[in-house]
Amino acid sequence: MDKQALAAFLRGRRERVRPEDVGLPVGSRRRTPGLRREEVAQLAMISVDHYSRLEQGRGRHPSRAVLNGIARALRLSGQEQEHLFRLAGQTESRTSDGPAEDVPAGTLRLLDRMNDAGVVVINGACNVLAWNPLAAALFEDFSALGSGDRNLVRRFFLHPDPSRRGYGMGPSPQFARAAVSYLRVAATRYPHNDEIRDLIRDLLAASTEFARLWHEQELHIEHHSRQVIDHPAVGRLELDFEILTLPDRDQQVVLFTAEPDSPVYRALELLRVIGTQDFSTPR
């Protein structure tokens, strides 16, 4: 535990949080920028004396619960939380009950500009949080699903239409292994999250393929690979997929791309025009 560095970090972060950021009245008699110590203590649900000692470099090792409260009170980002835990002598810093659901505005603007790639944003539990039109045409119309059904792993293995399972990727593709690995990490990171536990339970019970991958205990995430998708409208597509991690968040941007001016690229252009129209023959 680096008491002096921890004290300096806490002071610096406290001074940068405005009262209105945490729902407190601004008032006209503040003599210090940011929050007062007693306000941080109140928000963190710890005693003023305990917090003051930490900020003065005189405190004992704070518990994880105390650090969680301070991180919440000071509105720390994911990287800042990690730094706080390291300064306090803690090696693990993931503190939330579940993966974040909100996507940064800048990332959403990026999706709007990417017309030649299928892009989805997922969180650690593989919930689809955002997507662009080409991704919807490539996989399915996520906007037509309830928020609880927009889970890439659930739809991949347990799509209610058996012909749509696997999204045309075939058995045990790289994408499935990466998705199962992300879900394994999420289960460890958020051990008390009911949504993640229920999802794993359902997948184990209903998908022999998922159960096989899950019980292999493999943890392997390739951030760049190739994936073949047999699409019902435009045929066989051999795509590159990239996984980019958003800083400060347990979220990933997954991009499916093709070499410019290649036959696959032109097929994606056609798919963008077709969109999510269903050309399958009615039964």
Protein backbone atom coordinates (compact mmCIF):
# COMPACT_ATOMS: atom_id res chain seq x y z
CA MET A 1 0.00 0.00 0.00
CA ASP A 2 1.45 3.35 -1.08
CA LYS A 3 -0.19 5.64 1.46
CA GLN A 4 1.14 8.93 0.12
CA ALA A 5 0.37 8.15 -3.51
CA LEU A 6 -3.09 6.94 -2.50
CA ALA A 7 -3.68 10.15 -0.54
CA ALA A 8 -2.61 12.31 -3.48
CA PHE A 9 -4.80 10.36 -5.88
CA LEU A 10 -7.86 10.67 -3.66
CA ARG A 11 -7.37 14.41 -3.20
CA GLY A 12 -6.91 14.95 -6.91
CA ARG A 13 -9.98 12.98 -7.86
CA ARG A 14 -12.15 14.55 -5.14
CA GLU A 15 -11.32 18.03 -6.38
CA ARG A 16 -12.40 17.13 -9.91
CA VAL A 17 -15.88 15.85 -9.04
CA ARG A 18 -18.44 18.65 -9.06
CA PRO A 19 -21.28 18.54 -6.54
CA GLU A 20 -23.85 18.58 -9.33
CA ASP A 21 -22.20 15.46 -10.82
CA VAL A 22 -23.35 13.47 -7.79
CA GLY A 23 -26.66 15.22 -7.15
CA LEU A 24 -25.48 17.56 -4.40
CA PRO A 25 -26.36 21.28 -4.17
CA VAL A 26 -23.59 23.57 -5.35
CA GLY A 27 -24.07 26.26 -2.73
CA SER A 28 -22.15 29.55 -2.52
CA ARG A 29 -19.86 28.98 0.45
CA ARG A 30 -17.52 26.30 -0.89
CA ARG A 31 -13.88 27.03 -0.17
CA THR A 32 -12.48 24.09 -2.09
CA PRO A 33 -13.01 22.82 -5.64
CA GLY A 34 -14.96 19.64 -6.06
CA LEU A 35 -16.45 17.72 -3.17
CA ARG A 36 -15.83 18.04 0.54
CA ARG A 37 -14.34 15.10 2.41
CA GLU A 38 -17.52 14.56 4.38
CA GLU A 39 -19.49 14.42 1.13
CA VAL A 40 -17.23 11.73 -0.30
CA ALA A 41 -17.53 9.78 2.95
CA GLN A 42 -21.30 10.07 2.86
CA LEU A 43 -21.50 8.91 -0.75
CA ALA A 44 -19.08 6.06 -0.07
CA MET A 45 -21.01 5.11 3.09
CA ILE A 46 -17.94 5.19 5.33
CA SER A 47 -17.02 7.39 8.28
CA VAL A 48 -15.56 10.83 7.69
CA ASP A 49 -12.63 9.96 9.94
CA HIS A 50 -11.83 6.83 7.90
CA TYR A 51 -11.83 8.71 4.61
CA SER A 52 -9.92 11.70 6.02
CA ARG A 53 -7.15 9.43 7.29
CA LEU A 54 -6.79 7.84 3.87
CA GLU A 55 -6.58 11.24 2.20
CA GLN A 56 -4.02 12.40 4.75
CA GLY A 57 -1.82 9.34 4.23
CA ARG A 58 -2.52 8.02 7.75
CA GLY A 59 -5.11 5.32 7.07
CA ARG A 60 -4.83 1.58 7.45
CA HIS A 61 -5.36 -0.83 4.57
CA PRO A 62 -8.91 -0.16 3.33
CA SER A 63 -11.16 -3.13 2.65
CA ARG A 64 -12.53 -3.92 -0.79
CA ALA A 65 -15.95 -2.69 0.33
CA VAL A 66 -14.45 0.67 1.32
CA LEU A 67 -12.60 0.96 -1.99
CA ASN A 68 -15.75 0.07 -3.88
CA GLY A 69 -17.63 2.86 -2.12
CA ILE A 70 -14.89 5.41 -2.73
CA ALA A 71 -14.66 4.46 -6.42
CA ARG A 72 -18.42 4.90 -6.74
CA ALA A 73 -18.42 8.21 -4.89
CA LEU A 74 -15.58 9.67 -6.97
CA ARG A 75 -17.08 8.42 -10.26
CA LEU A 76 -13.86 6.61 -11.15
CA SER A 77 -13.45 5.06 -14.58
CA GLY A 78 -12.43 1.42 -14.95
CA GLN A 79 -8.75 2.30 -15.30
CA GLU A 80 -8.94 4.66 -12.34
CA GLN A 81 -10.54 1.94 -10.23
CA GLU A 82 -7.70 -0.39 -11.11
CA HIS A 83 -5.21 2.29 -10.13
CA LEU A 84 -7.01 2.89 -6.83
CA PHE A 85 -6.94 -0.80 -5.98
CA ARG A 86 -3.26 -1.09 -6.85
CA LEU A 87 -2.39 1.91 -4.68
CA ALA A 88 -4.30 0.32 -1.82
CA GLY A 89 -2.46 -2.97 -2.21
CA GLN A 90 -5.33 -4.85 -3.84
CA THR A 91 -4.65 -6.89 -6.95
CA GLU A 92 -8.22 -7.30 -8.21
CA SER A 93 -10.31 -4.30 -9.02
CA ARG A 94 -13.50 -5.33 -10.85
CA THR A 95 -16.17 -4.06 -8.53
CA SER A 96 -19.50 -3.80 -10.30
CA ASP A 97 -22.25 -6.37 -10.10
CA GLY A 98 -22.50 -6.76 -13.85
CA PRO A 99 -21.15 -5.51 -17.18
CA ALA A 100 -22.06 -2.01 -18.31
CA GLU A 101 -24.96 -1.59 -20.72
CA ASP A 102 -24.44 1.99 -21.93
CA VAL A 103 -22.28 2.59 -25.00
CA PRO A 104 -20.18 5.77 -25.25
CA ALA A 105 -21.57 8.38 -27.64
CA GLY A 106 -18.32 8.43 -29.61
CA THR A 107 -18.58 4.71 -30.26
CA LEU A 108 -22.16 5.10 -31.48
CA ARG A 109 -21.04 7.83 -33.89
CA LEU A 110 -18.31 5.50 -35.14
CA LEU A 111 -20.90 2.82 -35.93
CA ASP A 112 -22.93 5.33 -37.93
CA ARG A 113 -19.90 6.06 -40.14
CA MET A 114 -18.89 2.46 -40.81
CA ASN A 115 -20.89 1.43 -43.86
CA ASP A 116 -18.62 -1.25 -45.34
CA ALA A 117 -18.28 -3.42 -42.19
CA GLY A 118 -20.74 -5.27 -40.02
CA VAL A 119 -20.20 -3.94 -36.50
CA VAL A 120 -21.72 -4.89 -33.15
CA VAL A 121 -20.89 -3.69 -29.66
CA ILE A 122 -21.19 -6.31 -26.93
CA ASN A 123 -20.48 -6.26 -23.22
CA GLY A 124 -18.75 -8.92 -21.16
CA ALA A 125 -21.91 -11.03 -21.04
CA CYS A 126 -22.13 -10.85 -24.87
CA ASN A 127 -25.28 -8.73 -24.80
CA VAL A 128 -25.63 -6.84 -28.08
CA LEU A 129 -25.71 -3.18 -27.05
CA ALA A 130 -25.41 -1.48 -30.44
CA TRP A 131 -25.09 -2.44 -34.10
CA ASN A 132 -25.01 -0.91 -37.54
CA PRO A 133 -27.38 -1.79 -40.43
CA LEU A 134 -24.91 -4.14 -42.12
CA ALA A 135 -24.51 -6.16 -38.91
CA ALA A 136 -28.29 -6.51 -38.70
CA ALA A 137 -28.37 -7.71 -42.31
CA LEU A 138 -25.47 -10.09 -41.68
CA PHE A 139 -26.92 -11.69 -38.53
CA GLU A 140 -30.49 -10.63 -37.75
CA ASP A 141 -32.61 -7.59 -37.03
CA PHE A 142 -31.66 -6.98 -33.40
CA SER A 143 -34.14 -4.10 -33.20
CA ALA A 144 -36.98 -6.61 -33.58
CA LEU A 145 -35.83 -8.47 -30.45
CA GLY A 146 -36.51 -7.64 -26.85
CA SER A 147 -33.48 -6.45 -24.91
CA GLY A 148 -33.37 -9.76 -23.04
CA ASP A 149 -33.01 -11.67 -26.33
CA ARG A 150 -30.18 -9.57 -27.70
CA ASN A 151 -27.46 -11.88 -26.46
CA LEU A 152 -25.04 -13.08 -29.12
CA VAL A 153 -24.16 -16.34 -27.36
CA ARG A 154 -27.79 -17.24 -26.63
CA ARG A 155 -28.88 -16.48 -30.22
CA PHE A 156 -25.84 -18.29 -31.65
CA PHE A 157 -26.50 -21.54 -29.78
CA LEU A 158 -30.24 -21.35 -28.96
CA HIS A 159 -31.91 -19.41 -31.75
CA PRO A 160 -35.61 -20.45 -31.72
CA ASP A 161 -35.34 -21.20 -35.45
CA PRO A 162 -32.92 -24.17 -35.68
CA SER A 163 -31.94 -23.15 -39.21
CA ARG A 164 -30.67 -19.80 -37.88
CA ARG A 165 -28.48 -21.23 -35.12
CA GLY A 166 -24.81 -20.49 -35.56
CA TYR A 167 -25.60 -17.55 -37.85
CA GLY A 168 -24.31 -19.66 -40.74
CA MET A 169 -20.87 -20.07 -39.19
CA GLY A 170 -20.96 -23.85 -38.82
CA PRO A 171 -19.86 -25.97 -35.83
CA SER A 172 -17.18 -24.80 -33.39
CA PRO A 173 -15.99 -21.71 -35.29
CA GLN A 174 -13.44 -19.27 -33.93
CA PHE A 175 -16.24 -16.85 -33.17
CA ALA A 176 -18.06 -19.35 -30.95
CA ARG A 177 -14.90 -20.15 -29.01
CA ALA A 178 -14.21 -16.45 -28.49
CA ALA A 179 -17.79 -15.87 -27.31
CA VAL A 180 -17.64 -18.77 -24.86
CA SER A 181 -14.31 -17.46 -23.57
CA TYR A 182 -15.77 -14.00 -23.00
CA LEU A 183 -18.66 -15.56 -21.13
CA ARG A 184 -16.25 -17.57 -18.98
CA VAL A 185 -14.37 -14.39 -18.08
CA ALA A 186 -17.67 -12.65 -17.27
CA ALA A 187 -18.71 -15.50 -14.97
CA THR A 188 -15.47 -15.08 -13.03
CA ARG A 189 -15.58 -11.30 -13.04
CA TYR A 190 -19.21 -11.04 -11.96
CA PRO A 191 -19.80 -14.19 -9.88
CA HIS A 192 -23.03 -12.89 -8.32
CA ASN A 193 -24.71 -11.71 -11.51
CA ASP A 194 -27.96 -13.63 -11.95
CA GLU A 195 -28.27 -12.86 -15.66
CA ILE A 196 -24.89 -14.43 -16.44
CA ARG A 197 -25.50 -17.45 -14.23
CA ASP A 198 -28.95 -18.03 -15.77
CA LEU A 199 -27.53 -17.70 -19.29
CA ILE A 200 -24.82 -20.29 -18.63
CA ARG A 201 -27.34 -22.63 -17.03
CA ASP A 202 -29.70 -22.38 -20.02
CA LEU A 203 -26.90 -22.90 -22.52
CA LEU A 204 -25.51 -25.92 -20.70
CA ALA A 205 -28.97 -27.49 -20.52
CA ALA A 206 -30.03 -26.88 -24.12
CA SER A 207 -26.88 -26.86 -26.28
CA THR A 208 -24.55 -29.85 -26.46
CA GLU A 209 -22.13 -27.77 -28.52
CA PHE A 210 -21.93 -25.04 -25.91
CA ALA A 211 -21.60 -27.64 -23.14
CA ARG A 212 -18.69 -29.26 -24.97
CA LEU A 213 -16.88 -25.95 -25.43
CA TRP A 214 -17.64 -24.88 -21.86
CA HIS A 215 -16.35 -28.10 -20.29
CA GLU A 216 -13.15 -27.95 -22.33
CA GLN A 217 -12.13 -25.11 -19.98
CA GLU A 218 -10.35 -23.37 -22.86
CA LEU A 219 -9.85 -19.64 -22.53
CA HIS A 220 -8.71 -18.32 -25.86
CA ILE A 221 -9.73 -15.03 -27.42
CA GLU A 222 -8.30 -14.11 -30.79
CA HIS A 223 -8.70 -10.42 -31.48
CA HIS A 224 -8.14 -11.02 -35.19
CA SER A 225 -9.26 -14.06 -37.16
CA ARG A 226 -11.20 -15.16 -40.22
CA GLN A 227 -14.73 -16.49 -40.22
CA VAL A 228 -16.84 -18.09 -42.94
CA ILE A 229 -20.55 -17.24 -42.91
CA ASP A 230 -23.06 -18.93 -45.21
CA HIS A 231 -25.65 -16.22 -45.63
CA PRO A 232 -29.10 -17.16 -47.00
CA ALA A 233 -29.29 -14.08 -49.26
CA VAL A 234 -25.76 -13.58 -50.62
CA GLY A 235 -24.10 -16.95 -50.13
CA ARG A 236 -20.70 -17.81 -48.71
CA LEU A 237 -18.74 -14.97 -47.12
CA GLU A 238 -15.17 -15.34 -45.87
CA LEU A 239 -14.71 -12.37 -43.56
CA ASP A 240 -12.06 -10.97 -41.27
CA PHE A 241 -13.28 -10.25 -37.80
CA GLU A 242 -11.59 -7.93 -35.37
CA ILE A 243 -12.35 -7.53 -31.67
CA LEU A 244 -11.50 -4.12 -30.21
CA THR A 245 -11.81 -3.48 -26.49
CA LEU A 246 -13.26 -0.16 -25.37
CA PRO A 247 -11.04 1.55 -22.80
CA ASP A 248 -12.49 1.95 -19.31
CA ARG A 249 -15.33 -0.48 -20.10
CA ASP A 250 -15.97 -4.19 -20.22
CA GLN A 251 -17.20 -3.85 -23.81
CA GLN A 252 -15.95 -5.01 -27.19
CA VAL A 253 -16.47 -3.73 -30.72
CA VAL A 254 -16.64 -6.67 -33.13
CA LEU A 255 -16.08 -5.85 -36.81
CA PHE A 256 -16.65 -8.12 -39.81
CA THR A 257 -14.83 -6.83 -42.89
CA ALA A 258 -13.70 -7.92 -46.36
CA GLU A 259 -10.88 -6.87 -48.65
CA PRO A 260 -11.98 -3.77 -50.64
CA ASP A 261 -13.17 -4.51 -54.19
CA SER A 262 -13.07 -8.26 -53.60
CA PRO A 263 -16.07 -10.46 -54.50
CA VAL A 264 -16.88 -10.78 -50.80
CA TYR A 265 -16.73 -7.00 -50.40
CA ARG A 266 -19.19 -6.61 -53.28
CA ALA A 267 -21.43 -9.23 -51.68
CA LEU A 268 -21.43 -7.16 -48.50
CA GLU A 269 -22.40 -4.11 -50.55
CA LEU A 270 -25.34 -6.07 -51.96
CA LEU A 271 -26.27 -7.25 -48.46
CA ARG A 272 -26.28 -3.66 -47.27
CA VAL A 273 -28.84 -2.86 -49.95
CA ILE A 274 -30.94 -5.92 -49.16
CA GLY A 275 -30.85 -5.15 -45.46
CA THR A 276 -32.92 -7.33 -43.17
CA GLN A 277 -35.49 -8.37 -45.78
CA ASP A 278 -36.34 -12.06 -45.56
CA PHE A 279 -36.16 -13.78 -48.95
CA SER A 280 -36.68 -17.30 -47.62
CA THR A 281 -39.52 -19.33 -49.15
CA PRO A 282 -42.65 -19.33 -46.95
CA ARG A 283 -43.56 -22.74 -45.56
